Amino acid sequence: MAILQTTNLTKKFGKFTALNGVNMEVNSGEVYGFIGPNGAGKSTTIRVLLGILKATEGEAKIFGKDAWKDAVEIHKRISYVPGDVNLWPNLTGGEVIDLFTKLRGGNNKNRREQLIEKFNLDPSKKCRTYSKGNRQKVALVSAFSSDADLYILDEPTSGLDPLMERVFQECVMEAKLAGKSVLLSSHILSEVERLCDKVGIIRQGQIIETGTLKELRHLTRTNLLVETKQPITALSEVKGVHGIEKKDEALTFQVDAEHLDAVIQYVSQFGVSRLESSPPKLEDLFMRHYEGADNASGTGVGGES
């Protein structure tokens, strides 16, 4: 069942088109990875979903309700964490967490204490003294303390150290196991790869690929390291081979998945003495889509999304 759905979602600011026909669907109990560089349209999409911006065309629905017209009803069942958290400077972290909890009508003190401990947060300090990472922790503890049905997380681990990123990932998996849905906007590809069931790649306001990681991996290249008894000749002319480099006595290169069989057959005639392969990563897929494309328009890396 679709918890979140956008159909032909379009948002224009004057003559500039920030979103151009975005279609996405997040189902119950699913973690959906929403990836793209800064300026691609991730945050604009999320602001439309939260009812902060009104779509120019198309529709956005959460729990079957209109994201703009029914925002108040929708917000009772969602938790949102932005990538840059602003807090009340004179309140302590604990007071902010309590405030958000009360606004939602919940009072799960055990869960609150567990999360504060897991995220290694000192809730007695005033928010003005917190680093960016600690402000992020306050938002994450607030979000995961609540019993939401949908978590909308926009670059949520911005400013967190690797240990806290791991804690965040555990919280997402717990939410998923409890049947909750998560929309995770991120540029940390390893995070997306570890957590997400489905991925949507947005570029210049358009979804250019969507599917499960398994479905998308056919577009990626496998990394090979090959050492042979005789030097491999004319490897660069073999279809599907990219980025050949010499590493000691071996060659390293990438192979398009659809040509892997033919490439292995070709190199094996030179007497393979060592062969190592590493599975294709989401990063490879991401880079293939973005190679040379971002600077083609005014929405390239570096802009606000």
Protein backbone atom coordinates (compact mmCIF):
# COMPACT_ATOMS: atom_id res chain seq x y z
CA MET A 1 0.00 0.00 0.00
CA ALA A 2 1.34 3.45 -0.98
CA ILE A 3 1.92 5.66 2.08
CA LEU A 4 3.40 8.49 0.02
CA GLN A 5 2.81 9.16 -3.67
CA THR A 6 3.58 12.00 -6.06
CA THR A 7 2.16 12.19 -9.57
CA ASN A 8 3.69 14.49 -12.19
CA LEU A 9 4.82 16.81 -9.38
CA THR A 10 5.99 20.12 -10.82
CA LYS A 11 7.19 23.24 -9.00
CA LYS A 12 8.19 26.47 -10.72
CA PHE A 13 9.74 29.58 -9.21
CA GLY A 14 9.03 32.20 -11.86
CA LYS A 15 10.65 30.92 -15.04
CA PHE A 16 12.83 28.41 -13.19
CA THR A 17 11.49 24.85 -13.01
CA ALA A 18 12.74 23.25 -9.78
CA LEU A 19 10.70 20.04 -10.16
CA ASN A 20 9.64 18.68 -13.51
CA GLY A 21 7.09 15.84 -13.36
CA VAL A 22 8.40 13.95 -10.33
CA ASN A 23 6.74 10.56 -9.74
CA MET A 24 7.60 8.60 -6.63
CA GLU A 25 5.96 6.06 -4.37
CA VAL A 26 6.85 4.94 -0.85
CA ASN A 27 5.02 1.87 0.41
CA SER A 28 4.20 0.69 3.91
CA GLY A 29 7.27 -0.65 5.76
CA GLU A 30 9.63 0.57 3.05
CA VAL A 31 12.77 2.71 3.23
CA TYR A 32 13.00 4.84 0.07
CA GLY A 33 16.35 6.44 -0.74
CA PHE A 34 16.05 9.80 -2.48
CA ILE A 35 19.43 10.76 -3.89
CA GLY A 36 20.93 13.49 -6.02
CA PRO A 37 23.42 16.36 -5.68
CA ASN A 38 22.66 19.74 -4.13
CA GLY A 39 20.31 21.64 -6.40
CA ALA A 40 18.72 18.54 -7.90
CA GLY A 41 15.35 19.12 -6.22
CA LYS A 42 15.39 16.85 -3.16
CA SER A 43 14.58 19.50 -0.55
CA THR A 44 12.02 21.21 -2.82
CA THR A 45 10.19 17.87 -3.17
CA ILE A 46 10.24 17.41 0.61
CA ARG A 47 8.92 20.94 1.22
CA VAL A 48 6.00 20.20 -1.11
CA LEU A 49 5.35 16.93 0.74
CA LEU A 50 5.35 18.77 4.06
CA GLY A 51 2.86 21.34 2.78
CA ILE A 52 5.40 24.18 3.07
CA LEU A 53 5.36 24.80 -0.70
CA LYS A 54 2.38 24.45 -3.01
CA ALA A 55 2.94 22.44 -6.19
CA THR A 56 2.52 24.28 -9.49
CA GLU A 57 1.17 21.16 -11.16
CA GLY A 58 0.58 17.51 -10.29
CA GLU A 59 -0.23 16.13 -6.86
CA ALA A 60 1.43 14.88 -3.69
CA LYS A 61 -0.44 12.55 -1.37
CA ILE A 62 0.49 11.13 2.03
CA PHE A 63 -1.80 8.53 3.66
CA GLY A 64 -4.12 9.17 0.69
CA LYS A 65 -4.53 12.83 1.71
CA ASP A 66 -3.49 15.95 -0.21
CA ALA A 67 -0.12 17.22 1.09
CA TRP A 68 -1.15 20.88 0.76
CA LYS A 69 -4.84 20.86 1.78
CA ASP A 70 -4.59 18.24 4.54
CA ALA A 71 -1.17 19.17 5.93
CA VAL A 72 -2.37 19.51 9.54
CA GLU A 73 -3.93 16.01 9.55
CA ILE A 74 -0.88 14.49 7.82
CA HIS A 75 1.57 16.08 10.29
CA LYS A 76 -0.04 14.19 13.18
CA ARG A 77 1.40 10.98 11.74
CA ILE A 78 4.80 12.02 10.38
CA SER A 79 8.22 12.91 11.80
CA TYR A 80 10.55 15.23 9.93
CA VAL A 81 14.28 15.85 10.38
CA PRO A 82 15.95 18.57 8.26
CA GLY A 83 19.64 18.63 7.35
CA ASP A 84 20.26 21.83 9.28
CA VAL A 85 18.39 22.06 12.56
CA ASN A 86 17.58 25.41 14.21
CA LEU A 87 16.57 25.20 17.88
CA TRP A 88 15.45 27.67 20.54
CA PRO A 89 18.77 28.94 21.94
CA ASN A 90 17.57 29.41 25.55
CA LEU A 91 15.94 25.99 25.91
CA THR A 92 17.94 22.89 26.82
CA GLY A 93 18.07 19.93 24.44
CA GLY A 94 15.86 17.94 26.83
CA GLU A 95 13.26 20.73 26.94
CA VAL A 96 13.11 20.84 23.14
CA ILE A 97 12.65 17.06 22.96
CA ASP A 98 9.87 17.27 25.58
CA LEU A 99 8.20 20.12 23.69
CA PHE A 100 8.11 18.17 20.44
CA THR A 101 6.87 15.06 22.27
CA LYS A 102 4.03 17.00 23.92
CA LEU A 103 3.06 18.63 20.61
CA ARG A 104 2.56 15.14 19.22
CA GLY A 105 0.57 14.01 22.26
CA GLY A 106 3.02 11.24 23.15
CA ASN A 107 4.85 10.56 26.39
CA ASN A 108 7.20 7.60 25.94
CA LYS A 109 9.83 8.51 28.54
CA ASN A 110 11.66 5.16 28.31
CA ARG A 111 12.13 5.53 24.57
CA ARG A 112 13.31 9.13 25.06
CA GLU A 113 15.93 8.09 27.64
CA GLN A 114 17.14 5.16 25.51
CA LEU A 115 17.66 7.40 22.49
CA ILE A 116 19.41 10.15 24.48
CA GLU A 117 21.83 7.50 25.76
CA LYS A 118 22.31 5.89 22.33
CA PHE A 119 23.05 9.22 20.68
CA ASN A 120 25.34 10.23 23.56
CA LEU A 121 23.51 13.55 24.00
CA ASP A 122 23.71 15.80 27.08
CA PRO A 123 20.09 17.04 27.34
CA SER A 124 20.87 19.52 30.14
CA LYS A 125 22.84 21.94 27.94
CA LYS A 126 21.30 25.02 26.35
CA CYS A 127 20.77 24.66 22.61
CA ARG A 128 22.93 27.72 21.87
CA THR A 129 25.96 25.77 23.15
CA TYR A 130 25.37 22.78 20.86
CA SER A 131 27.48 21.96 17.83
CA LYS A 132 25.76 21.18 14.52
CA GLY A 133 26.06 17.45 15.29
CA ASN A 134 24.39 17.84 18.69
CA ARG A 135 21.54 19.90 17.20
CA GLN A 136 21.05 17.06 14.73
CA LYS A 137 20.93 14.58 17.63
CA VAL A 138 18.15 16.58 19.34
CA ALA A 139 16.08 16.42 16.14
CA LEU A 140 16.73 12.69 15.67
CA VAL A 141 15.88 11.83 19.30
CA SER A 142 12.66 13.90 18.96
CA ALA A 143 11.75 12.19 15.68
CA PHE A 144 12.40 8.61 16.76
CA SER A 145 10.79 9.14 20.20
CA SER A 146 7.47 9.70 18.48
CA ASP A 147 5.31 6.90 17.16
CA ALA A 148 5.11 8.19 13.58
CA ASP A 149 3.92 6.18 10.57
CA LEU A 150 6.20 8.02 8.14
CA TYR A 151 9.65 9.50 8.76
CA ILE A 152 10.80 12.16 6.30
CA LEU A 153 14.54 12.59 6.75
CA ASP A 154 16.35 15.25 4.70
CA GLU A 155 20.14 14.74 4.97
CA PRO A 156 19.58 13.68 8.63
CA THR A 157 23.16 12.63 9.44
CA SER A 158 24.69 15.96 8.40
CA GLY A 159 27.28 16.80 11.09
CA LEU A 160 27.22 13.38 12.80
CA ASP A 161 30.37 11.35 13.33
CA PRO A 162 30.54 7.78 11.92
CA LEU A 163 29.63 6.19 15.28
CA MET A 164 26.44 8.27 15.51
CA GLU A 165 25.65 7.53 11.86
CA ARG A 166 25.61 3.85 12.83
CA VAL A 167 23.18 4.59 15.69
CA PHE A 168 20.97 6.49 13.23
CA GLN A 169 20.99 3.52 10.86
CA GLU A 170 19.90 1.22 13.72
CA CYS A 171 16.96 3.56 14.44
CA VAL A 172 15.87 3.47 10.79
CA MET A 173 16.01 -0.33 10.74
CA GLU A 174 13.98 -0.50 13.98
CA ALA A 175 11.34 1.77 12.43
CA LYS A 176 11.24 -0.41 9.33
CA LEU A 177 10.86 -3.61 11.37
CA ALA A 178 7.95 -1.94 13.19
CA GLY A 179 6.24 -1.49 9.79
CA LYS A 180 6.95 2.24 9.49
CA SER A 181 7.89 3.96 6.23
CA VAL A 182 10.95 6.17 5.69
CA LEU A 183 11.80 8.69 2.98
CA LEU A 184 15.55 9.22 3.29
CA SER A 185 17.10 12.02 1.29
CA SER A 186 20.86 11.61 1.32
CA HIS A 187 24.07 12.06 -0.62
CA ILE A 188 25.89 9.48 1.53
CA LEU A 189 25.60 6.58 -0.86
CA SER A 190 26.87 3.92 1.56
CA GLU A 191 24.06 4.94 3.94
CA VAL A 192 21.44 4.62 1.20
CA GLU A 193 22.88 1.30 0.08
CA ARG A 194 22.81 -0.11 3.61
CA LEU A 195 19.29 1.04 4.50
CA CYS A 196 17.08 1.43 1.46
CA ASP A 197 14.75 -1.02 -0.24
CA LYS A 198 14.14 1.28 -3.18
CA VAL A 199 16.05 4.20 -4.66
CA GLY A 200 15.04 7.21 -6.74
CA ILE A 201 17.75 9.30 -8.39
CA ILE A 202 16.81 12.92 -9.09
CA ARG A 203 18.75 15.18 -11.42
CA GLN A 204 17.80 18.70 -12.50
CA GLY A 205 14.31 18.30 -11.07
CA GLN A 206 13.55 14.98 -12.76
CA ILE A 207 13.60 11.39 -11.49
CA ILE A 208 15.99 9.68 -13.90
CA GLU A 209 16.09 6.20 -12.35
CA THR A 210 13.98 4.42 -9.79
CA GLY A 211 13.81 0.84 -8.54
CA THR A 212 15.24 -1.61 -6.03
CA LEU A 213 19.01 -1.77 -5.65
CA LYS A 214 18.93 -5.14 -7.38
CA GLU A 215 17.06 -3.67 -10.35
CA LEU A 216 19.45 -0.73 -10.63
CA ARG A 217 22.65 -2.73 -10.39
CA HIS A 218 22.38 -3.80 -14.03
CA LEU A 219 23.46 -0.24 -14.83
CA THR A 220 26.61 -0.40 -12.75
CA ARG A 221 30.08 -1.63 -13.48
CA THR A 222 31.86 -4.44 -11.67
CA ASN A 223 35.43 -3.66 -10.56
CA LEU A 224 37.99 -6.29 -11.59
CA LEU A 225 41.63 -6.84 -10.73
CA VAL A 226 43.31 -9.37 -13.05
CA GLU A 227 46.83 -10.79 -13.10
CA THR A 228 47.78 -13.03 -16.04
CA LYS A 229 50.72 -15.22 -17.05
CA GLN A 230 50.99 -13.42 -20.39
CA PRO A 231 50.35 -9.69 -20.88
CA ILE A 232 46.77 -8.92 -21.90
CA THR A 233 46.69 -7.24 -25.29
CA ALA A 234 44.05 -4.93 -26.77
CA LEU A 235 41.95 -4.92 -23.60
CA SER A 236 40.88 -1.33 -24.26
CA GLU A 237 39.23 -2.47 -27.50
CA VAL A 238 37.03 -5.03 -25.72
CA LYS A 239 33.43 -3.87 -25.46
CA GLY A 240 32.26 -2.88 -21.96
CA VAL A 241 35.74 -2.29 -20.45
CA HIS A 242 36.48 1.09 -18.79
CA GLY A 243 39.20 2.80 -16.76
CA ILE A 244 42.13 0.40 -17.26
CA GLU A 245 45.00 1.00 -14.83
CA LYS A 246 48.18 -0.92 -14.07
CA LYS A 247 48.65 -1.93 -10.44
CA ASP A 248 51.97 -3.70 -9.79
CA GLU A 249 51.76 -6.86 -11.92
CA ALA A 250 47.99 -6.67 -12.33
CA LEU A 251 45.44 -4.63 -14.26
CA THR A 252 42.41 -3.00 -12.65
CA PHE A 253 39.37 -1.94 -14.68
CA GLN A 254 35.58 -1.72 -14.64
CA VAL A 255 33.23 -3.85 -16.72
CA ASP A 256 29.62 -3.14 -17.68
CA ALA A 257 27.49 -5.90 -16.19
CA GLU A 258 26.06 -6.97 -19.56
CA HIS A 259 29.58 -7.60 -20.98
CA LEU A 260 31.09 -9.34 -17.94
CA ASP A 261 30.87 -12.86 -19.39
CA ALA A 262 32.62 -11.90 -22.66
CA VAL A 263 35.35 -9.95 -20.85
CA ILE A 264 36.13 -12.87 -18.50
CA GLN A 265 36.37 -15.21 -21.50
CA TYR A 266 38.71 -12.78 -23.26
CA VAL A 267 41.15 -12.32 -20.36
CA SER A 268 41.18 -16.02 -19.48
CA GLN A 269 43.01 -16.88 -22.72
CA PHE A 270 46.06 -15.06 -21.30
CA GLY A 271 46.27 -17.48 -18.35
CA VAL A 272 44.65 -15.94 -15.27
CA SER A 273 46.78 -16.32 -12.14
CA ARG A 274 44.78 -13.91 -9.97
CA LEU A 275 41.28 -12.54 -10.27
CA GLU A 276 39.50 -10.29 -7.80
CA SER A 277 36.10 -8.70 -8.27
CA SER A 278 34.24 -6.25 -6.07
CA PRO A 279 30.48 -5.89 -6.43
CA PRO A 280 29.05 -2.82 -8.11
CA LYS A 281 28.17 -0.04 -5.70
CA LEU A 282 25.41 2.52 -5.80
CA GLU A 283 28.17 5.13 -6.11
CA ASP A 284 29.13 3.73 -9.52
CA LEU A 285 25.54 4.04 -10.70
CA PHE A 286 25.31 7.54 -9.29
CA MET A 287 28.51 8.73 -10.95
CA ARG A 288 27.52 7.29 -14.32
CA HIS A 289 24.39 9.40 -14.29
CA TYR A 290 26.19 12.54 -13.22
CA GLU A 291 29.39 12.31 -15.27
CA GLY A 292 29.59 15.57 -17.18
CA ALA A 293 25.87 16.23 -16.78
CA ASP A 294 25.62 18.50 -13.77
CA ASN A 295 27.21 21.55 -15.28
CA ALA A 296 25.07 21.32 -18.40
CA SER A 297 22.36 23.42 -16.75
CA GLY A 298 22.06 25.95 -13.95
CA THR A 299 20.97 23.32 -11.44
CA GLY A 300 24.34 21.67 -11.00
CA VAL A 301 26.17 20.79 -7.80
CA GLY A 302 26.48 23.60 -5.34
CA GLY A 303 23.02 25.19 -5.55
CA GLU A 304 20.35 25.05 -2.88
CA SER A 305 17.86 22.27 -3.44
